[in-house]
């Protein structure tokens, strides 16, 4: 069975991308790729690339396009014999959109849905601070690091959101609800 469906899950830090992606994975039986989780795995590796990723994450920056491309392409090539793929937190920049589009075109995948989880910034900050305590996420440990992440997110990822919006592909989801309600809204809009 060839990969046929791709769902992109986008949104600001703390919007519930990972939670909703995993719920979709369970419901639909799709594979799941999280750029953030995959980068955190690379950051644990004692390699030059791993240390580069760790430094970038620890400073609250978004990884460079070349690093994101490497991580995405290595992961995408491993996905076989599954009807769909959920991609969370990727693409974020014009270059990453190009990499994704090339991979989709090469794989002849045309059924792509783009979900954007909308959440109020104050709620996001509360969620992130709580997550730093419950999950030990150092990139969410202080207001300063969270603000830096929002700044980076705004600078680097606004173009990806605008790109999909301009093509009429962006489906807005109210992420400011209970987890189950967000999931229900997603399922109703797929």
N, C-alpha and C. Protein backbone atom coordinates (compact mmCIF):
# COMPACT_ATOMS: atom_id res chain seq x y z
N UNK A 1 0.85 -1.18 0.00
CA UNK A 1 0.00 0.00 0.00
C UNK A 1 0.90 1.24 0.00
N UNK A 2 0.63 2.13 -0.90
CA UNK A 2 1.42 3.35 -1.02
C UNK A 2 0.80 4.46 -0.18
N UNK A 3 1.65 5.30 0.38
CA UNK A 3 1.20 6.46 1.15
C UNK A 3 0.33 7.34 0.25
N UNK A 4 -0.89 7.65 0.70
CA UNK A 4 -1.82 8.42 -0.13
C UNK A 4 -2.29 9.72 0.51
N UNK A 5 -2.36 9.78 1.82
CA UNK A 5 -2.94 10.92 2.51
C UNK A 5 -1.93 11.54 3.48
N UNK A 6 -1.91 12.86 3.49
CA UNK A 6 -1.05 13.58 4.44
C UNK A 6 -1.89 14.65 5.14
N UNK A 7 -1.75 14.70 6.45
CA UNK A 7 -2.40 15.74 7.25
C UNK A 7 -1.29 16.53 7.94
N UNK A 8 -1.23 17.83 7.66
CA UNK A 8 -0.28 18.71 8.34
C UNK A 8 -1.00 19.34 9.52
N UNK A 9 -0.37 19.30 10.69
CA UNK A 9 -0.95 19.91 11.88
C UNK A 9 -0.02 21.05 12.29
N UNK A 10 -0.56 22.27 12.20
CA UNK A 10 0.22 23.47 12.48
C UNK A 10 -0.41 24.25 13.63
N UNK A 11 0.39 25.13 14.21
CA UNK A 11 -0.09 25.99 15.28
C UNK A 11 1.08 26.48 16.10
N UNK A 12 0.84 27.47 16.94
CA UNK A 12 1.91 28.01 17.78
C UNK A 12 2.34 27.02 18.85
N UNK A 13 3.47 27.28 19.51
CA UNK A 13 3.90 26.42 20.60
C UNK A 13 2.81 26.30 21.66
N UNK A 14 2.54 25.06 22.09
CA UNK A 14 1.55 24.85 23.14
C UNK A 14 0.12 24.75 22.66
N UNK A 15 -0.11 24.75 21.36
CA UNK A 15 -1.48 24.75 20.83
C UNK A 15 -2.13 23.37 20.84
N UNK A 16 -1.34 22.34 21.13
CA UNK A 16 -1.90 20.99 21.17
C UNK A 16 -1.64 20.17 19.92
N UNK A 17 -0.65 20.59 19.13
CA UNK A 17 -0.34 19.88 17.89
C UNK A 17 -0.02 18.41 18.14
N UNK A 18 0.85 18.16 19.10
CA UNK A 18 1.26 16.79 19.40
C UNK A 18 0.10 15.95 19.90
N UNK A 19 -0.66 16.49 20.82
CA UNK A 19 -1.81 15.77 21.38
C UNK A 19 -2.80 15.41 20.29
N UNK A 20 -3.16 16.39 19.47
CA UNK A 20 -4.16 16.15 18.42
C UNK A 20 -3.61 15.22 17.33
N UNK A 21 -2.33 15.36 17.02
CA UNK A 21 -1.72 14.48 16.01
C UNK A 21 -1.76 13.03 16.46
N UNK A 22 -1.46 12.80 17.73
CA UNK A 22 -1.46 11.43 18.26
C UNK A 22 -2.88 10.85 18.29
N UNK A 23 -3.86 11.69 18.61
CA UNK A 23 -5.25 11.23 18.57
C UNK A 23 -5.66 10.85 17.14
N UNK A 24 -5.24 11.66 16.18
CA UNK A 24 -5.53 11.35 14.77
C UNK A 24 -4.84 10.06 14.35
N UNK A 25 -3.60 9.89 14.78
CA UNK A 25 -2.85 8.68 14.45
C UNK A 25 -3.61 7.44 14.95
N UNK A 26 -4.09 7.50 16.19
CA UNK A 26 -4.83 6.37 16.75
C UNK A 26 -6.15 6.14 16.01
N UNK A 27 -6.84 7.22 15.72
CA UNK A 27 -8.16 7.12 15.08
C UNK A 27 -8.06 6.63 13.63
N UNK A 28 -7.08 7.15 12.89
CA UNK A 28 -7.00 6.87 11.45
C UNK A 28 -6.02 5.76 11.08
N UNK A 29 -5.14 5.38 12.02
CA UNK A 29 -4.14 4.37 11.72
C UNK A 29 -3.03 4.87 10.82
N UNK A 30 -2.76 6.16 10.88
CA UNK A 30 -1.71 6.78 10.07
C UNK A 30 -0.39 6.77 10.83
N UNK A 31 0.70 6.93 10.08
CA UNK A 31 2.01 7.14 10.69
C UNK A 31 2.06 8.57 11.21
N UNK A 32 3.01 8.85 12.09
CA UNK A 32 3.10 10.16 12.73
C UNK A 32 4.55 10.63 12.71
N UNK A 33 4.74 11.86 12.24
CA UNK A 33 6.05 12.49 12.27
C UNK A 33 5.93 13.83 12.96
N UNK A 34 6.68 14.01 14.04
CA UNK A 34 6.73 15.28 14.74
C UNK A 34 8.13 15.85 14.59
N UNK A 35 8.22 17.01 13.95
CA UNK A 35 9.53 17.64 13.81
C UNK A 35 10.13 17.92 15.18
N UNK A 36 9.33 18.46 16.11
CA UNK A 36 9.84 18.78 17.44
C UNK A 36 10.35 17.57 18.19
N UNK A 37 9.56 16.50 18.22
CA UNK A 37 9.98 15.28 18.93
C UNK A 37 11.22 14.68 18.28
N UNK A 38 11.23 14.66 16.96
CA UNK A 38 12.38 14.09 16.25
C UNK A 38 13.63 14.91 16.50
N UNK A 39 13.50 16.23 16.50
CA UNK A 39 14.66 17.08 16.79
C UNK A 39 15.16 16.87 18.21
N UNK A 40 14.23 16.70 19.17
CA UNK A 40 14.66 16.45 20.56
C UNK A 40 15.40 15.12 20.67
N UNK A 41 15.02 14.13 19.85
CA UNK A 41 15.75 12.86 19.83
C UNK A 41 17.17 13.06 19.27
N UNK A 42 17.26 13.82 18.19
CA UNK A 42 18.58 14.12 17.63
C UNK A 42 19.43 14.88 18.64
N UNK A 43 18.82 15.79 19.40
CA UNK A 43 19.55 16.61 20.37
C UNK A 43 20.18 15.77 21.48
N UNK A 44 19.67 14.57 21.70
CA UNK A 44 20.23 13.67 22.72
C UNK A 44 21.47 12.93 22.22
N UNK A 45 21.67 12.94 20.91
CA UNK A 45 22.79 12.19 20.31
C UNK A 45 24.10 12.94 20.49
N UNK A 46 25.14 12.18 20.79
CA UNK A 46 26.46 12.77 20.97
C UNK A 46 27.19 12.81 19.62
N UNK A 47 26.63 13.64 18.72
CA UNK A 47 27.22 13.85 17.40
C UNK A 47 27.28 15.35 17.16
N UNK A 48 28.04 15.76 16.16
CA UNK A 48 28.09 17.19 15.83
C UNK A 48 26.69 17.71 15.51
N UNK A 49 25.95 16.94 14.71
CA UNK A 49 24.60 17.35 14.33
C UNK A 49 23.69 17.40 15.55
N UNK A 50 23.78 16.41 16.41
CA UNK A 50 22.98 16.39 17.63
C UNK A 50 23.26 17.57 18.54
N UNK A 51 24.54 17.89 18.70
CA UNK A 51 24.92 19.04 19.54
C UNK A 51 24.44 20.36 18.93
N UNK A 52 24.51 20.45 17.60
CA UNK A 52 24.01 21.66 16.91
C UNK A 52 22.51 21.84 17.17
N UNK A 53 21.77 20.75 17.05
CA UNK A 53 20.32 20.79 17.29
C UNK A 53 20.05 21.17 18.75
N UNK A 54 20.77 20.55 19.68
CA UNK A 54 20.56 20.82 21.11
C UNK A 54 20.80 22.29 21.42
N UNK A 55 21.87 22.85 20.91
CA UNK A 55 22.18 24.27 21.14
C UNK A 55 21.06 25.16 20.61
N UNK A 56 20.60 24.87 19.42
CA UNK A 56 19.53 25.67 18.80
C UNK A 56 18.25 25.61 19.64
N UNK A 57 17.86 24.41 20.05
CA UNK A 57 16.65 24.23 20.86
C UNK A 57 16.80 24.93 22.21
N UNK A 58 17.94 24.71 22.86
CA UNK A 58 18.17 25.31 24.19
C UNK A 58 18.11 26.83 24.15
N UNK A 59 18.48 27.42 23.02
CA UNK A 59 18.45 28.88 22.89
C UNK A 59 17.07 29.40 22.47
N UNK A 60 16.14 28.49 22.21
CA UNK A 60 14.78 28.89 21.85
C UNK A 60 14.59 29.24 20.39
N UNK A 61 15.57 28.86 19.56
CA UNK A 61 15.48 29.16 18.14
C UNK A 61 14.87 27.99 17.37
N UNK A 62 14.39 28.28 16.18
CA UNK A 62 13.92 27.24 15.26
C UNK A 62 15.13 26.79 14.46
N UNK A 63 15.25 25.48 14.25
CA UNK A 63 16.42 24.96 13.55
C UNK A 63 16.49 25.49 12.12
N UNK A 64 17.70 25.53 11.61
CA UNK A 64 17.92 26.01 10.25
C UNK A 64 17.25 25.07 9.25
N UNK A 65 16.91 25.63 8.10
CA UNK A 65 16.23 24.87 7.05
C UNK A 65 16.99 23.61 6.64
N UNK A 66 18.33 23.71 6.57
CA UNK A 66 19.13 22.56 6.14
C UNK A 66 18.98 21.41 7.13
N UNK A 67 18.98 21.73 8.42
CA UNK A 67 18.83 20.70 9.46
C UNK A 67 17.42 20.11 9.41
N UNK A 68 16.42 20.95 9.26
CA UNK A 68 15.03 20.47 9.18
C UNK A 68 14.85 19.59 7.95
N UNK A 69 15.46 19.98 6.85
CA UNK A 69 15.37 19.19 5.61
C UNK A 69 15.95 17.80 5.83
N UNK A 70 17.12 17.75 6.43
CA UNK A 70 17.78 16.46 6.69
C UNK A 70 16.89 15.56 7.55
N UNK A 71 16.38 16.11 8.64
CA UNK A 71 15.54 15.34 9.56
C UNK A 71 14.26 14.87 8.86
N UNK A 72 13.61 15.77 8.13
CA UNK A 72 12.37 15.40 7.44
C UNK A 72 12.61 14.33 6.39
N UNK A 73 13.60 14.53 5.54
CA UNK A 73 13.83 13.59 4.45
C UNK A 73 14.22 12.21 4.97
N UNK A 74 15.06 12.16 6.03
CA UNK A 74 15.43 10.87 6.61
C UNK A 74 14.20 10.15 7.16
N UNK A 75 13.32 10.89 7.79
CA UNK A 75 12.11 10.30 8.37
C UNK A 75 11.11 9.91 7.29
N UNK A 76 10.90 10.78 6.31
CA UNK A 76 9.91 10.55 5.25
C UNK A 76 10.24 9.30 4.44
N UNK A 77 11.53 9.07 4.20
CA UNK A 77 11.94 7.92 3.39
C UNK A 77 11.64 6.60 4.09
N UNK A 78 11.53 6.60 5.41
CA UNK A 78 11.28 5.37 6.17
C UNK A 78 9.81 4.97 6.17
N UNK A 79 8.93 5.87 5.75
CA UNK A 79 7.49 5.61 5.83
C UNK A 79 7.04 4.83 4.60
N UNK A 80 6.62 3.61 4.85
CA UNK A 80 6.18 2.72 3.76
C UNK A 80 4.93 1.97 4.21
N UNK A 81 4.17 1.51 3.25
CA UNK A 81 3.04 0.61 3.49
C UNK A 81 2.07 1.11 4.56
N UNK A 82 1.68 2.34 4.46
CA UNK A 82 0.69 2.90 5.39
C UNK A 82 -0.18 3.88 4.60
N UNK A 83 -1.47 3.94 4.89
CA UNK A 83 -2.36 4.77 4.07
C UNK A 83 -2.18 6.28 4.25
N UNK A 84 -1.65 6.70 5.39
CA UNK A 84 -1.54 8.14 5.61
C UNK A 84 -0.45 8.51 6.58
N UNK A 85 -0.14 9.79 6.59
CA UNK A 85 0.91 10.34 7.45
C UNK A 85 0.42 11.64 8.06
N UNK A 86 0.64 11.78 9.35
CA UNK A 86 0.35 13.03 10.05
C UNK A 86 1.70 13.70 10.31
N UNK A 87 1.83 14.93 9.84
CA UNK A 87 3.08 15.69 10.03
C UNK A 87 2.78 16.85 10.95
N UNK A 88 3.48 16.89 12.06
CA UNK A 88 3.24 17.93 13.07
C UNK A 88 4.45 18.85 13.18
N UNK A 89 4.19 20.15 13.09
CA UNK A 89 5.26 21.13 13.28
C UNK A 89 6.17 21.31 12.08
N UNK A 90 5.73 20.95 10.91
CA UNK A 90 6.52 21.07 9.69
C UNK A 90 5.55 21.15 8.52
N UNK A 91 5.78 22.00 7.56
CA UNK A 91 6.87 22.94 7.34
C UNK A 91 6.62 24.27 8.04
N UNK A 92 7.68 25.05 8.20
CA UNK A 92 7.57 26.34 8.86
C UNK A 92 8.05 27.51 8.01
N UNK A 93 8.89 27.24 7.05
CA UNK A 93 9.48 28.31 6.24
C UNK A 93 9.25 28.02 4.75
N UNK A 94 9.45 29.03 3.88
CA UNK A 94 9.29 28.79 2.44
C UNK A 94 10.17 27.65 1.93
N UNK A 95 11.41 27.56 2.40
CA UNK A 95 12.31 26.49 1.97
C UNK A 95 11.77 25.13 2.39
N UNK A 96 11.22 25.05 3.61
CA UNK A 96 10.66 23.79 4.10
C UNK A 96 9.40 23.41 3.31
N UNK A 97 8.61 24.40 2.92
CA UNK A 97 7.44 24.14 2.08
C UNK A 97 7.89 23.53 0.76
N UNK A 98 8.96 24.06 0.20
CA UNK A 98 9.50 23.54 -1.05
C UNK A 98 9.95 22.08 -0.89
N UNK A 99 10.64 21.79 0.21
CA UNK A 99 11.09 20.42 0.48
C UNK A 99 9.89 19.48 0.60
N UNK A 100 8.88 19.90 1.36
CA UNK A 100 7.67 19.09 1.52
C UNK A 100 6.98 18.87 0.18
N UNK A 101 6.77 19.94 -0.58
CA UNK A 101 6.10 19.83 -1.88
C UNK A 101 6.85 18.88 -2.82
N UNK A 102 8.18 18.95 -2.81
CA UNK A 102 8.98 18.05 -3.64
C UNK A 102 8.78 16.59 -3.22
N UNK A 103 8.78 16.35 -1.91
CA UNK A 103 8.59 14.98 -1.40
C UNK A 103 7.20 14.46 -1.76
N UNK A 104 6.19 15.31 -1.62
CA UNK A 104 4.82 14.90 -1.95
C UNK A 104 4.67 14.63 -3.44
N UNK A 105 5.26 15.51 -4.25
CA UNK A 105 5.18 15.35 -5.71
C UNK A 105 5.89 14.07 -6.15
N UNK A 106 7.07 13.84 -5.59
CA UNK A 106 7.85 12.65 -5.92
C UNK A 106 7.08 11.38 -5.55
N UNK A 107 6.35 11.43 -4.45
CA UNK A 107 5.57 10.28 -3.98
C UNK A 107 4.16 10.25 -4.57
N UNK A 108 3.84 11.23 -5.42
CA UNK A 108 2.52 11.33 -6.07
C UNK A 108 1.38 11.44 -5.06
N UNK A 109 1.61 12.18 -3.99
CA UNK A 109 0.59 12.39 -2.96
C UNK A 109 -0.10 13.72 -3.24
N UNK A 110 -1.41 13.66 -3.45
CA UNK A 110 -2.17 14.88 -3.73
C UNK A 110 -3.23 15.18 -2.67
N UNK A 111 -3.56 14.20 -1.84
CA UNK A 111 -4.57 14.40 -0.81
C UNK A 111 -3.90 14.92 0.47
N UNK A 112 -3.82 16.24 0.57
CA UNK A 112 -3.15 16.88 1.71
C UNK A 112 -4.13 17.81 2.41
N UNK A 113 -4.25 17.66 3.71
CA UNK A 113 -5.09 18.54 4.54
C UNK A 113 -4.15 19.32 5.46
N UNK A 114 -4.46 20.59 5.68
CA UNK A 114 -3.64 21.43 6.55
C UNK A 114 -4.52 21.99 7.66
N UNK A 115 -4.24 21.56 8.89
CA UNK A 115 -5.00 22.01 10.06
C UNK A 115 -4.19 23.03 10.83
N UNK A 116 -4.84 24.11 11.24
CA UNK A 116 -4.17 25.12 12.06
C UNK A 116 -4.92 25.27 13.37
N UNK A 117 -4.24 24.98 14.49
CA UNK A 117 -4.85 25.07 15.81
C UNK A 117 -4.69 26.49 16.35
N UNK A 118 -5.80 27.19 16.45
CA UNK A 118 -5.84 28.57 16.95
C UNK A 118 -6.08 28.57 18.46
N UNK A 119 -5.19 29.22 19.21
CA UNK A 119 -5.35 29.33 20.67
C UNK A 119 -4.87 30.71 21.10
N UNK A 120 -5.56 31.30 22.07
CA UNK A 120 -5.19 32.59 22.64
C UNK A 120 -3.79 32.52 23.25
N UNK A 121 -2.97 33.55 23.02
CA UNK A 121 -1.57 33.54 23.47
C UNK A 121 -1.44 33.38 24.99
N UNK A 122 -2.29 34.04 25.78
CA UNK A 122 -2.21 33.90 27.23
C UNK A 122 -2.43 32.46 27.67
N UNK A 123 -3.36 31.78 27.02
CA UNK A 123 -3.60 30.36 27.33
C UNK A 123 -2.39 29.51 26.94
N UNK A 124 -1.78 29.86 25.82
CA UNK A 124 -0.61 29.12 25.37
C UNK A 124 0.52 29.22 26.40
N UNK A 125 0.73 30.42 26.93
CA UNK A 125 1.78 30.62 27.93
C UNK A 125 1.51 29.76 29.16
N UNK A 126 0.27 29.75 29.62
CA UNK A 126 -0.10 28.91 30.78
C UNK A 126 0.17 27.43 30.48
N UNK A 127 -0.22 26.99 29.31
CA UNK A 127 -0.01 25.58 28.93
C UNK A 127 1.48 25.24 28.90
N UNK A 128 2.27 26.13 28.33
CA UNK A 128 3.71 25.86 28.20
C UNK A 128 4.40 25.82 29.55
N UNK A 129 4.05 26.74 30.44
CA UNK A 129 4.64 26.73 31.78
C UNK A 129 4.28 25.45 32.52
N UNK A 130 3.05 25.01 32.38
CA UNK A 130 2.62 23.75 33.00
C UNK A 130 3.38 22.57 32.39
N UNK A 131 3.53 22.60 31.07
CA UNK A 131 4.23 21.51 30.38
C UNK A 131 5.68 21.41 30.83
N UNK A 132 6.31 22.55 31.11
CA UNK A 132 7.71 22.50 31.55
C UNK A 132 7.83 21.76 32.88
N UNK A 133 6.81 21.89 33.71
CA UNK A 133 6.83 21.21 35.02
C UNK A 133 6.45 19.73 34.88
N UNK A 134 5.45 19.43 34.07
CA UNK A 134 4.95 18.05 33.98
C UNK A 134 5.77 17.18 33.03
N UNK A 135 6.35 17.78 31.99
CA UNK A 135 7.10 17.00 31.00
C UNK A 135 8.59 17.28 31.02
N UNK A 136 9.01 18.26 31.84
CA UNK A 136 10.43 18.59 31.92
C UNK A 136 10.99 19.22 30.67
N UNK A 137 10.18 19.91 29.92
CA UNK A 137 10.63 20.54 28.67
C UNK A 137 11.38 21.83 28.99
N UNK A 138 12.71 21.82 28.81
CA UNK A 138 13.51 23.00 29.13
C UNK A 138 13.22 24.19 28.23
N UNK A 139 12.73 23.93 27.00
CA UNK A 139 12.43 25.03 26.09
C UNK A 139 11.17 25.78 26.51
N UNK A 140 10.46 25.28 27.54
CA UNK A 140 9.25 25.92 28.06
C UNK A 140 9.41 26.36 29.51
N UNK A 141 10.63 26.43 30.02
CA UNK A 141 10.85 26.58 31.46
C UNK A 141 10.67 28.00 32.01
N UNK A 142 10.70 29.01 31.17
CA UNK A 142 10.56 30.38 31.68
C UNK A 142 9.76 31.23 30.71
N UNK A 143 9.21 32.32 31.24
CA UNK A 143 8.47 33.26 30.38
C UNK A 143 9.38 33.78 29.28
N UNK A 144 10.65 34.06 29.62
CA UNK A 144 11.59 34.60 28.63
C UNK A 144 11.81 33.61 27.49
N UNK A 145 12.00 32.32 27.81
CA UNK A 145 12.22 31.34 26.74
C UNK A 145 10.94 31.13 25.92
N UNK A 146 9.80 31.20 26.58
CA UNK A 146 8.52 31.06 25.87
C UNK A 146 8.31 32.25 24.93
N UNK A 147 8.57 33.46 25.42
CA UNK A 147 8.43 34.65 24.56
C UNK A 147 9.37 34.57 23.36
N UNK A 148 10.57 34.06 23.59
CA UNK A 148 11.52 33.91 22.49
C UNK A 148 10.98 32.92 21.45
N UNK A 149 10.38 31.83 21.93
CA UNK A 149 9.80 30.85 21.02
C UNK A 149 8.66 31.47 20.21
N UNK A 150 7.81 32.28 20.86
CA UNK A 150 6.72 32.94 20.14
C UNK A 150 7.27 33.91 19.11
N UNK A 151 8.33 34.63 19.48
CA UNK A 151 8.95 35.57 18.55
C UNK A 151 9.49 34.82 17.32
N UNK A 152 10.22 33.74 17.57
CA UNK A 152 10.75 32.92 16.48
C UNK A 152 9.62 32.35 15.64
N UNK A 153 8.59 31.87 16.31
CA UNK A 153 7.44 31.30 15.61
C UNK A 153 6.82 32.35 14.69
N UNK A 154 6.60 33.54 15.21
CA UNK A 154 6.00 34.61 14.42
C UNK A 154 6.84 35.01 13.23
N UNK A 155 8.16 35.10 13.44
CA UNK A 155 9.06 35.50 12.36
C UNK A 155 9.19 34.44 11.28
N UNK A 156 9.31 33.20 11.71
CA UNK A 156 9.67 32.14 10.76
C UNK A 156 8.49 31.37 10.20
N UNK A 157 7.40 31.25 10.95
CA UNK A 157 6.35 30.35 10.48
C UNK A 157 5.12 31.05 9.93
N UNK A 158 5.06 32.34 10.07
CA UNK A 158 3.90 33.07 9.53
C UNK A 158 3.78 32.87 8.03
N UNK A 159 4.91 32.72 7.35
CA UNK A 159 4.86 32.53 5.90
C UNK A 159 4.25 31.19 5.51
N UNK A 160 4.51 30.15 6.30
CA UNK A 160 3.93 28.83 6.00
C UNK A 160 2.42 28.89 6.16
N UNK A 161 1.98 29.51 7.24
CA UNK A 161 0.54 29.65 7.48
C UNK A 161 -0.09 30.45 6.33
N UNK A 162 0.53 31.56 5.96
CA UNK A 162 0.01 32.42 4.89
C UNK A 162 0.00 31.67 3.55
N UNK A 163 1.01 30.87 3.30
CA UNK A 163 1.09 30.09 2.06
C UNK A 163 -0.13 29.17 1.92
N UNK A 164 -0.39 28.38 2.95
CA UNK A 164 -1.51 27.44 2.88
C UNK A 164 -2.86 28.16 2.89
N UNK A 165 -2.91 29.28 3.60
CA UNK A 165 -4.13 30.08 3.63
C UNK A 165 -4.43 30.66 2.24
N UNK A 166 -3.40 31.17 1.57
CA UNK A 166 -3.59 31.78 0.24
C UNK A 166 -4.04 30.75 -0.79
N UNK A 167 -3.73 29.51 -0.57
CA UNK A 167 -4.13 28.44 -1.50
C UNK A 167 -5.48 27.83 -1.11
N UNK A 168 -6.09 28.36 -0.04
CA UNK A 168 -7.38 27.85 0.40
C UNK A 168 -7.30 26.48 1.05
N UNK A 169 -6.11 26.10 1.51
CA UNK A 169 -5.89 24.77 2.07
C UNK A 169 -5.89 24.75 3.60
N UNK A 170 -5.85 25.91 4.22
CA UNK A 170 -5.74 25.98 5.68
C UNK A 170 -7.12 25.84 6.32
N UNK A 171 -7.24 24.87 7.20
CA UNK A 171 -8.48 24.65 7.94
C UNK A 171 -8.23 25.07 9.38
N UNK A 172 -8.92 26.13 9.80
CA UNK A 172 -8.74 26.63 11.17
C UNK A 172 -9.54 25.78 12.14
N UNK A 173 -8.88 25.45 13.25
CA UNK A 173 -9.49 24.66 14.31
C UNK A 173 -9.40 25.47 15.60
N UNK A 174 -10.50 25.54 16.33
CA UNK A 174 -10.49 26.22 17.63
C UNK A 174 -9.78 25.32 18.63
N UNK A 175 -8.51 25.61 18.90
CA UNK A 175 -7.72 24.82 19.83
C UNK A 175 -7.91 25.25 21.27
N UNK A 176 -8.80 26.21 21.48
CA UNK A 176 -9.06 26.78 22.81
C UNK A 176 -10.26 26.08 23.45
N UNK A 177 -10.30 24.74 23.34
CA UNK A 177 -11.38 23.93 23.89
C UNK A 177 -10.76 22.72 24.59
N UNK A 178 -11.60 21.92 25.20
CA UNK A 178 -11.13 20.66 25.78
C UNK A 178 -10.56 19.79 24.66
N UNK A 179 -9.59 18.95 25.00
CA UNK A 179 -8.91 18.10 24.03
C UNK A 179 -9.90 17.33 23.16
N UNK A 180 -10.91 16.73 23.80
CA UNK A 180 -11.89 15.91 23.06
C UNK A 180 -12.69 16.75 22.08
N UNK A 181 -13.03 17.98 22.47
CA UNK A 181 -13.81 18.87 21.59
C UNK A 181 -12.97 19.29 20.38
N UNK A 182 -11.69 19.56 20.61
CA UNK A 182 -10.80 19.91 19.50
C UNK A 182 -10.74 18.74 18.52
N UNK A 183 -10.59 17.54 19.06
CA UNK A 183 -10.52 16.34 18.21
C UNK A 183 -11.81 16.16 17.41
N UNK A 184 -12.95 16.36 18.06
CA UNK A 184 -14.24 16.26 17.36
C UNK A 184 -14.33 17.27 16.22
N UNK A 185 -13.88 18.50 16.48
CA UNK A 185 -13.91 19.52 15.43
C UNK A 185 -13.01 19.13 14.26
N UNK A 186 -11.83 18.61 14.58
CA UNK A 186 -10.91 18.17 13.52
C UNK A 186 -11.56 17.09 12.68
N UNK A 187 -12.12 16.08 13.33
CA UNK A 187 -12.73 14.97 12.60
C UNK A 187 -13.89 15.45 11.72
N UNK A 188 -14.63 16.43 12.20
CA UNK A 188 -15.76 16.94 11.41
C UNK A 188 -15.30 17.75 10.20
N UNK A 189 -14.07 18.26 10.23
CA UNK A 189 -13.57 19.09 9.13
C UNK A 189 -12.63 18.36 8.18
N UNK A 190 -12.34 17.11 8.50
CA UNK A 190 -11.43 16.36 7.61
C UNK A 190 -12.14 15.90 6.37
